Every structure is written in C-alpha cells, then in structure tokens.
Amino acid sequence: MRNKTNAMRKHIFFYFCLLLAISGFSQAVTSPSASLYAQNTSNQDASGFSISGFNPTTTLLVTVGLVNPPSGTTLRFNTTTGISASIGYTITSNFTRISFTGTQSNINTVLSSMKINIDQYLVISILQ
C-alpha cells in the first residue's frame, strides 16, 4: 500500500509540473542590479523594477516595501497616475511600505518613477 501511495504522489507531482509547463506561467518581476545610494540625499533614482506576463486589462495588487530600513529611509513615487492605494496607505507621500492596484502598464510606469530618500546611512541594495 505504501509503494502505491508513493507512486501516486510521484505521478501527481509529475502531472502538476507538466500542467505548469503547459500553462506557460510567464509572469515575472524584474529587479535592477544592486545599487549604492548616497547619504543625506533625497530623490535618488530607485527605478528598474517591473512586472511582466500579466493580462494587460487585469487589475493587479502590488506591494513595495523596504525590509528593516535604516531610520529616515523612505521611498516615493513621482508618478501615480492609474493606480489606487490600498486602504490605509497614502500614495502621494513618502513610505517604507505600500500596497496599490493597477494594470500592468500603469504599475510599471509608477515603478519606473520610484525614488529613494536616505537620511543618514549609506544603504547598499536595500531594494533587492
């Protein structure tokens, strides 16, 4: 019985992998190379992130955030056209974490306008 159960699991796993391959899941998140940011400097370019492979008319939910950022480190979008902040977030101010919805095209436009503000620390690749 145990051998049949293990064989069944292997077949289910195989068919699941085959289904994934056939389905062509091609959604992706692209991130930039590691970056250095100057101390005590606002509005430094933090672009280079994008999403791809989604239906162009589908409304997507995206979260952008800094993990354990040094004090005074924030992000900001210069462009917010076509997106809506999730409840509890303000899209037009500095943030360390934000969730918002929009189409793939609008989200990519907003991500390309992302800026980082560094208060007192040199930050190495905090966006990765």
N, C-alpha and C. Protein backbone atom coordinates (compact mmCIF):
# COMPACT_ATOMS: atom_id res chain seq x y z
N MET A 1 0.82 -1.20 0.00
CA MET A 1 0.00 0.00 0.00
C MET A 1 0.87 1.27 0.00
N ARG A 2 1.95 1.20 0.78
CA ARG A 2 2.83 2.35 0.88
C ARG A 2 3.49 2.66 -0.46
N ASN A 3 3.92 1.62 -1.19
CA ASN A 3 4.54 1.83 -2.50
C ASN A 3 3.57 2.43 -3.49
N LYS A 4 2.29 2.03 -3.42
CA LYS A 4 1.28 2.59 -4.32
C LYS A 4 1.05 4.06 -3.99
N THR A 5 1.04 4.40 -2.70
CA THR A 5 0.85 5.79 -2.30
C THR A 5 2.01 6.65 -2.79
N ASN A 6 3.24 6.18 -2.61
CA ASN A 6 4.41 6.93 -3.09
C ASN A 6 4.40 7.06 -4.60
N ALA A 7 4.02 6.00 -5.30
CA ALA A 7 3.95 6.06 -6.76
C ALA A 7 2.89 7.06 -7.20
N MET A 8 1.77 7.07 -6.50
CA MET A 8 0.69 8.01 -6.83
C MET A 8 1.16 9.45 -6.62
N ARG A 9 1.88 9.69 -5.53
CA ARG A 9 2.40 11.04 -5.26
C ARG A 9 3.34 11.48 -6.36
N LYS A 10 4.19 10.58 -6.80
CA LYS A 10 5.13 10.90 -7.87
C LYS A 10 4.38 11.24 -9.16
N HIS A 11 3.33 10.50 -9.46
CA HIS A 11 2.54 10.77 -10.66
C HIS A 11 1.82 12.10 -10.55
N ILE A 12 1.24 12.36 -9.38
CA ILE A 12 0.54 13.64 -9.19
C ILE A 12 1.53 14.79 -9.34
N PHE A 13 2.70 14.67 -8.72
CA PHE A 13 3.73 15.70 -8.82
C PHE A 13 4.14 15.90 -10.28
N PHE A 14 4.36 14.80 -11.00
CA PHE A 14 4.74 14.88 -12.41
C PHE A 14 3.68 15.61 -13.22
N TYR A 15 2.42 15.23 -13.05
CA TYR A 15 1.35 15.87 -13.82
C TYR A 15 1.18 17.33 -13.44
N PHE A 16 1.38 17.64 -12.17
CA PHE A 16 1.32 19.04 -11.73
C PHE A 16 2.41 19.84 -12.42
N CYS A 17 3.64 19.32 -12.44
CA CYS A 17 4.75 20.01 -13.12
C CYS A 17 4.48 20.13 -14.62
N LEU A 18 3.94 19.09 -15.21
CA LEU A 18 3.61 19.12 -16.62
C LEU A 18 2.55 20.18 -16.89
N LEU A 19 1.54 20.25 -16.03
CA LEU A 19 0.49 21.26 -16.18
C LEU A 19 1.08 22.66 -16.09
N LEU A 20 1.99 22.88 -15.14
CA LEU A 20 2.62 24.19 -15.02
C LEU A 20 3.41 24.54 -16.28
N ALA A 21 4.12 23.57 -16.82
CA ALA A 21 4.91 23.82 -18.03
C ALA A 21 4.01 24.13 -19.22
N ILE A 22 2.91 23.39 -19.34
CA ILE A 22 1.99 23.60 -20.46
C ILE A 22 1.26 24.92 -20.31
N SER A 23 0.91 25.27 -19.07
CA SER A 23 0.15 26.51 -18.83
C SER A 23 0.94 27.74 -19.21
N GLY A 24 2.26 27.63 -19.22
CA GLY A 24 3.09 28.75 -19.65
C GLY A 24 3.07 29.91 -18.68
N PHE A 25 3.21 29.63 -17.40
CA PHE A 25 3.28 30.71 -16.43
C PHE A 25 4.50 31.55 -16.74
N SER A 26 4.26 32.70 -17.29
CA SER A 26 5.39 33.54 -17.69
C SER A 26 5.39 34.87 -16.96
N GLN A 27 4.59 34.99 -15.89
CA GLN A 27 4.61 36.22 -15.11
C GLN A 27 5.96 36.34 -14.42
N ALA A 28 6.44 37.57 -14.35
CA ALA A 28 7.76 37.78 -13.75
C ALA A 28 7.85 39.15 -13.10
N VAL A 29 8.72 39.23 -12.13
CA VAL A 29 9.10 40.51 -11.53
C VAL A 29 10.58 40.68 -11.83
N THR A 30 10.92 41.81 -12.41
CA THR A 30 12.31 42.10 -12.75
C THR A 30 12.82 43.15 -11.77
N SER A 31 14.03 42.92 -11.26
CA SER A 31 14.62 43.90 -10.34
C SER A 31 15.97 44.35 -10.90
N PRO A 32 16.39 45.55 -10.51
CA PRO A 32 17.67 46.07 -11.00
C PRO A 32 18.85 45.41 -10.28
N SER A 33 20.03 45.68 -10.77
CA SER A 33 21.24 45.24 -10.09
C SER A 33 21.37 45.97 -8.76
N ALA A 34 22.20 45.45 -7.88
CA ALA A 34 22.45 46.11 -6.60
C ALA A 34 22.91 47.54 -6.84
N SER A 35 22.48 48.44 -5.96
CA SER A 35 22.80 49.86 -6.13
C SER A 35 23.37 50.45 -4.86
N LEU A 36 24.16 51.49 -5.01
CA LEU A 36 24.66 52.27 -3.89
C LEU A 36 23.93 53.60 -3.87
N TYR A 37 23.57 54.05 -2.68
CA TYR A 37 22.85 55.32 -2.54
C TYR A 37 23.62 56.22 -1.58
N ALA A 38 23.69 57.50 -1.94
CA ALA A 38 24.44 58.47 -1.15
C ALA A 38 23.70 58.83 0.14
N GLN A 39 24.47 59.13 1.18
CA GLN A 39 23.90 59.56 2.46
C GLN A 39 23.30 60.95 2.34
N ASN A 40 22.33 61.22 3.19
CA ASN A 40 21.71 62.54 3.31
C ASN A 40 21.28 63.10 1.96
N THR A 41 20.69 62.24 1.12
CA THR A 41 20.29 62.66 -0.22
C THR A 41 18.88 62.17 -0.51
N SER A 42 18.04 63.05 -0.98
CA SER A 42 16.67 62.71 -1.33
C SER A 42 16.52 62.53 -2.83
N ASN A 43 15.44 61.90 -3.22
CA ASN A 43 15.05 61.72 -4.62
C ASN A 43 16.11 61.04 -5.49
N GLN A 44 16.76 60.02 -4.96
CA GLN A 44 17.71 59.24 -5.75
C GLN A 44 16.93 58.20 -6.55
N ASP A 45 17.35 57.98 -7.77
CA ASP A 45 16.66 57.05 -8.65
C ASP A 45 16.70 55.63 -8.09
N ALA A 46 15.52 55.03 -7.93
CA ALA A 46 15.41 53.64 -7.45
C ALA A 46 14.58 52.83 -8.43
N SER A 47 14.60 53.22 -9.69
CA SER A 47 13.81 52.53 -10.71
C SER A 47 14.50 51.25 -11.14
N GLY A 48 13.90 50.56 -12.08
CA GLY A 48 14.47 49.33 -12.60
C GLY A 48 13.62 48.11 -12.29
N PHE A 49 12.59 48.29 -11.46
CA PHE A 49 11.67 47.20 -11.16
C PHE A 49 10.55 47.21 -12.19
N SER A 50 10.09 46.02 -12.57
CA SER A 50 8.95 45.93 -13.48
C SER A 50 8.29 44.57 -13.32
N ILE A 51 7.07 44.47 -13.78
CA ILE A 51 6.35 43.21 -13.81
C ILE A 51 5.99 42.92 -15.26
N SER A 52 5.84 41.64 -15.60
CA SER A 52 5.51 41.29 -16.98
C SER A 52 4.75 39.98 -17.02
N GLY A 53 4.10 39.75 -18.16
CA GLY A 53 3.42 38.49 -18.40
C GLY A 53 1.98 38.42 -17.90
N PHE A 54 1.44 39.52 -17.42
CA PHE A 54 0.07 39.53 -16.93
C PHE A 54 -0.87 40.03 -18.02
N ASN A 55 -2.13 39.65 -17.92
CA ASN A 55 -3.15 40.16 -18.83
C ASN A 55 -3.16 41.68 -18.72
N PRO A 56 -3.05 42.40 -19.83
CA PRO A 56 -2.93 43.86 -19.77
C PRO A 56 -4.16 44.57 -19.21
N THR A 57 -5.32 43.93 -19.18
CA THR A 57 -6.52 44.60 -18.66
C THR A 57 -6.85 44.18 -17.24
N THR A 58 -6.10 43.25 -16.67
CA THR A 58 -6.36 42.77 -15.32
C THR A 58 -5.85 43.77 -14.29
N THR A 59 -6.63 44.01 -13.25
CA THR A 59 -6.19 44.85 -12.15
C THR A 59 -5.36 43.98 -11.20
N LEU A 60 -4.14 44.41 -10.95
CA LEU A 60 -3.20 43.66 -10.12
C LEU A 60 -2.97 44.37 -8.79
N LEU A 61 -2.63 43.61 -7.77
CA LEU A 61 -2.26 44.15 -6.46
C LEU A 61 -0.75 44.01 -6.30
N VAL A 62 -0.08 45.11 -5.98
CA VAL A 62 1.37 45.13 -5.82
C VAL A 62 1.71 45.72 -4.45
N THR A 63 2.72 45.16 -3.82
CA THR A 63 3.24 45.71 -2.57
C THR A 63 4.72 46.00 -2.77
N VAL A 64 5.12 47.20 -2.40
CA VAL A 64 6.52 47.62 -2.47
C VAL A 64 6.92 48.01 -1.06
N GLY A 65 8.08 47.54 -0.62
CA GLY A 65 8.49 47.89 0.73
C GLY A 65 9.97 47.70 0.97
N LEU A 66 10.45 48.35 2.00
CA LEU A 66 11.82 48.22 2.46
C LEU A 66 11.82 47.29 3.66
N VAL A 67 12.76 46.38 3.71
CA VAL A 67 12.86 45.45 4.83
C VAL A 67 13.88 46.01 5.82
N ASN A 68 13.43 46.29 7.03
CA ASN A 68 14.29 46.84 8.09
C ASN A 68 15.13 48.02 7.61
N PRO A 69 14.49 49.06 7.10
CA PRO A 69 15.27 50.20 6.58
C PRO A 69 15.89 51.00 7.72
N PRO A 70 17.04 51.60 7.48
CA PRO A 70 17.62 52.49 8.49
C PRO A 70 16.69 53.67 8.72
N SER A 71 16.76 54.24 9.88
CA SER A 71 15.93 55.38 10.24
C SER A 71 16.04 56.48 9.18
N GLY A 72 14.90 57.02 8.77
CA GLY A 72 14.89 58.10 7.81
C GLY A 72 14.95 57.68 6.36
N THR A 73 14.94 56.39 6.08
CA THR A 73 14.98 55.92 4.70
C THR A 73 13.56 55.67 4.22
N THR A 74 13.19 56.29 3.13
CA THR A 74 11.83 56.14 2.59
C THR A 74 11.86 56.04 1.08
N LEU A 75 10.75 55.63 0.53
CA LEU A 75 10.54 55.58 -0.92
C LEU A 75 9.44 56.57 -1.28
N ARG A 76 9.38 56.90 -2.56
CA ARG A 76 8.35 57.80 -3.07
C ARG A 76 8.18 57.55 -4.55
N PHE A 77 6.95 57.69 -5.04
CA PHE A 77 6.67 57.61 -6.48
C PHE A 77 6.48 59.03 -6.99
N ASN A 78 7.15 59.37 -8.07
CA ASN A 78 6.94 60.68 -8.69
C ASN A 78 5.68 60.70 -9.54
N THR A 79 5.28 59.55 -10.04
CA THR A 79 4.08 59.42 -10.86
C THR A 79 3.16 58.41 -10.21
N THR A 80 1.88 58.75 -10.11
CA THR A 80 0.91 57.82 -9.50
C THR A 80 -0.34 57.66 -10.36
N THR A 81 -0.27 58.06 -11.59
CA THR A 81 -1.42 58.00 -12.49
C THR A 81 -1.81 56.55 -12.78
N GLY A 82 -3.10 56.26 -12.62
CA GLY A 82 -3.62 54.95 -12.99
C GLY A 82 -3.56 53.90 -11.91
N ILE A 83 -3.09 54.27 -10.72
CA ILE A 83 -3.07 53.30 -9.63
C ILE A 83 -3.88 53.84 -8.45
N SER A 84 -4.29 52.94 -7.58
CA SER A 84 -5.04 53.30 -6.38
C SER A 84 -4.39 52.65 -5.18
N ALA A 85 -4.14 53.45 -4.15
CA ALA A 85 -3.54 52.92 -2.92
C ALA A 85 -4.55 52.03 -2.21
N SER A 86 -4.06 50.97 -1.60
CA SER A 86 -4.90 50.10 -0.79
C SER A 86 -5.31 50.86 0.47
N ILE A 87 -6.33 50.39 1.14
CA ILE A 87 -6.84 51.03 2.36
C ILE A 87 -5.71 51.14 3.38
N GLY A 88 -5.57 52.34 3.94
CA GLY A 88 -4.56 52.59 4.96
C GLY A 88 -3.26 53.16 4.44
N TYR A 89 -3.13 53.29 3.11
CA TYR A 89 -1.91 53.82 2.52
C TYR A 89 -2.20 55.14 1.82
N THR A 90 -1.19 56.01 1.78
CA THR A 90 -1.28 57.26 1.04
C THR A 90 -0.23 57.22 -0.05
N ILE A 91 -0.68 57.27 -1.28
CA ILE A 91 0.21 57.08 -2.43
C ILE A 91 1.06 58.30 -2.73
N THR A 92 0.68 59.47 -2.24
CA THR A 92 1.38 60.70 -2.61
C THR A 92 2.42 61.15 -1.59
N SER A 93 2.72 60.33 -0.59
CA SER A 93 3.71 60.72 0.40
C SER A 93 4.83 59.69 0.46
N ASN A 94 5.86 60.01 1.22
CA ASN A 94 6.95 59.06 1.42
C ASN A 94 6.45 57.86 2.20
N PHE A 95 7.05 56.69 1.97
CA PHE A 95 6.61 55.47 2.64
C PHE A 95 7.78 54.50 2.77
N THR A 96 7.62 53.52 3.65
CA THR A 96 8.56 52.41 3.72
C THR A 96 7.91 51.15 3.18
N ARG A 97 6.57 51.17 3.10
CA ARG A 97 5.83 50.04 2.54
C ARG A 97 4.49 50.57 2.03
N ILE A 98 4.07 50.05 0.87
CA ILE A 98 2.79 50.47 0.30
C ILE A 98 2.21 49.35 -0.56
N SER A 99 0.90 49.26 -0.58
CA SER A 99 0.19 48.34 -1.48
C SER A 99 -0.72 49.18 -2.35
N PHE A 100 -0.82 48.78 -3.62
CA PHE A 100 -1.68 49.51 -4.54
C PHE A 100 -2.13 48.59 -5.67
N THR A 101 -3.15 49.03 -6.39
CA THR A 101 -3.68 48.27 -7.51
C THR A 101 -3.58 49.08 -8.79
N GLY A 102 -3.53 48.35 -9.92
CA GLY A 102 -3.49 48.99 -11.22
C GLY A 102 -3.23 47.94 -12.29
N THR A 103 -3.24 48.35 -13.53
CA THR A 103 -2.91 47.44 -14.62
C THR A 103 -1.39 47.32 -14.72
N GLN A 104 -0.94 46.32 -15.43
CA GLN A 104 0.50 46.10 -15.58
C GLN A 104 1.20 47.34 -16.12
N SER A 105 0.64 47.96 -17.14
CA SER A 105 1.25 49.14 -17.74
C SER A 105 1.35 50.29 -16.74
N ASN A 106 0.26 50.56 -16.02
CA ASN A 106 0.28 51.66 -15.04
C ASN A 106 1.24 51.37 -13.90
N ILE A 107 1.26 50.12 -13.44
CA ILE A 107 2.18 49.75 -12.35
C ILE A 107 3.62 49.94 -12.79
N ASN A 108 3.96 49.52 -14.01
CA ASN A 108 5.33 49.68 -14.49
C ASN A 108 5.72 51.15 -14.63
N THR A 109 4.78 51.99 -15.05
CA THR A 109 5.05 53.42 -15.13
C THR A 109 5.36 53.99 -13.75
N VAL A 110 4.57 53.58 -12.78
CA VAL A 110 4.77 54.06 -11.40
C VAL A 110 6.10 53.53 -10.84
N LEU A 111 6.38 52.25 -11.04
CA LEU A 111 7.64 51.69 -10.55
C LEU A 111 8.85 52.37 -11.17
N SER A 112 8.73 52.78 -12.43
CA SER A 112 9.86 53.44 -13.08
C SER A 112 10.10 54.85 -12.52
N SER A 113 9.13 55.38 -11.78
CA SER A 113 9.30 56.71 -11.19
C SER A 113 9.73 56.66 -9.72
N MET A 114 10.04 55.47 -9.22
CA MET A 114 10.35 55.31 -7.80
C MET A 114 11.67 56.00 -7.43
N LYS A 115 11.63 56.70 -6.31
CA LYS A 115 12.79 57.40 -5.76
C LYS A 115 13.02 56.92 -4.33
N ILE A 116 14.27 57.01 -3.88
CA ILE A 116 14.61 56.65 -2.50
C ILE A 116 15.24 57.86 -1.82
N ASN A 117 14.87 58.04 -0.57
CA ASN A 117 15.40 59.13 0.26
C ASN A 117 16.23 58.50 1.39
N ILE A 118 17.48 58.92 1.51
CA ILE A 118 18.36 58.38 2.54
C ILE A 118 18.68 59.51 3.51
N ASP A 119 18.41 59.28 4.79
CA ASP A 119 18.65 60.30 5.79
C ASP A 119 20.10 60.32 6.22
N GLN A 120 20.56 59.28 6.89
CA GLN A 120 21.89 59.36 7.49
C GLN A 120 22.78 58.17 7.23
N TYR A 121 22.33 57.17 6.53
CA TYR A 121 23.11 55.97 6.34
C TYR A 121 23.39 55.73 4.88
N LEU A 122 24.48 55.02 4.60
CA LEU A 122 24.76 54.55 3.26
C LEU A 122 24.05 53.22 3.12
N VAL A 123 23.17 53.10 2.17
CA VAL A 123 22.38 51.90 2.01
C VAL A 123 22.87 51.15 0.77
N ILE A 124 23.11 49.88 0.92
CA ILE A 124 23.57 49.07 -0.20
C ILE A 124 22.48 48.08 -0.57
N SER A 125 21.91 48.24 -1.72
CA SER A 125 20.97 47.29 -2.27
C SER A 125 19.81 46.96 -1.34
N ILE A 126 19.19 47.96 -0.75
CA ILE A 126 18.07 47.66 0.15
C ILE A 126 16.82 47.28 -0.62
N LEU A 127 16.81 47.50 -1.92
CA LEU A 127 15.62 47.24 -2.70
C LEU A 127 15.58 45.84 -3.27
N GLN A 128 16.54 45.01 -3.01
CA GLN A 128 16.59 43.67 -3.57
C GLN A 128 15.85 42.69 -2.74
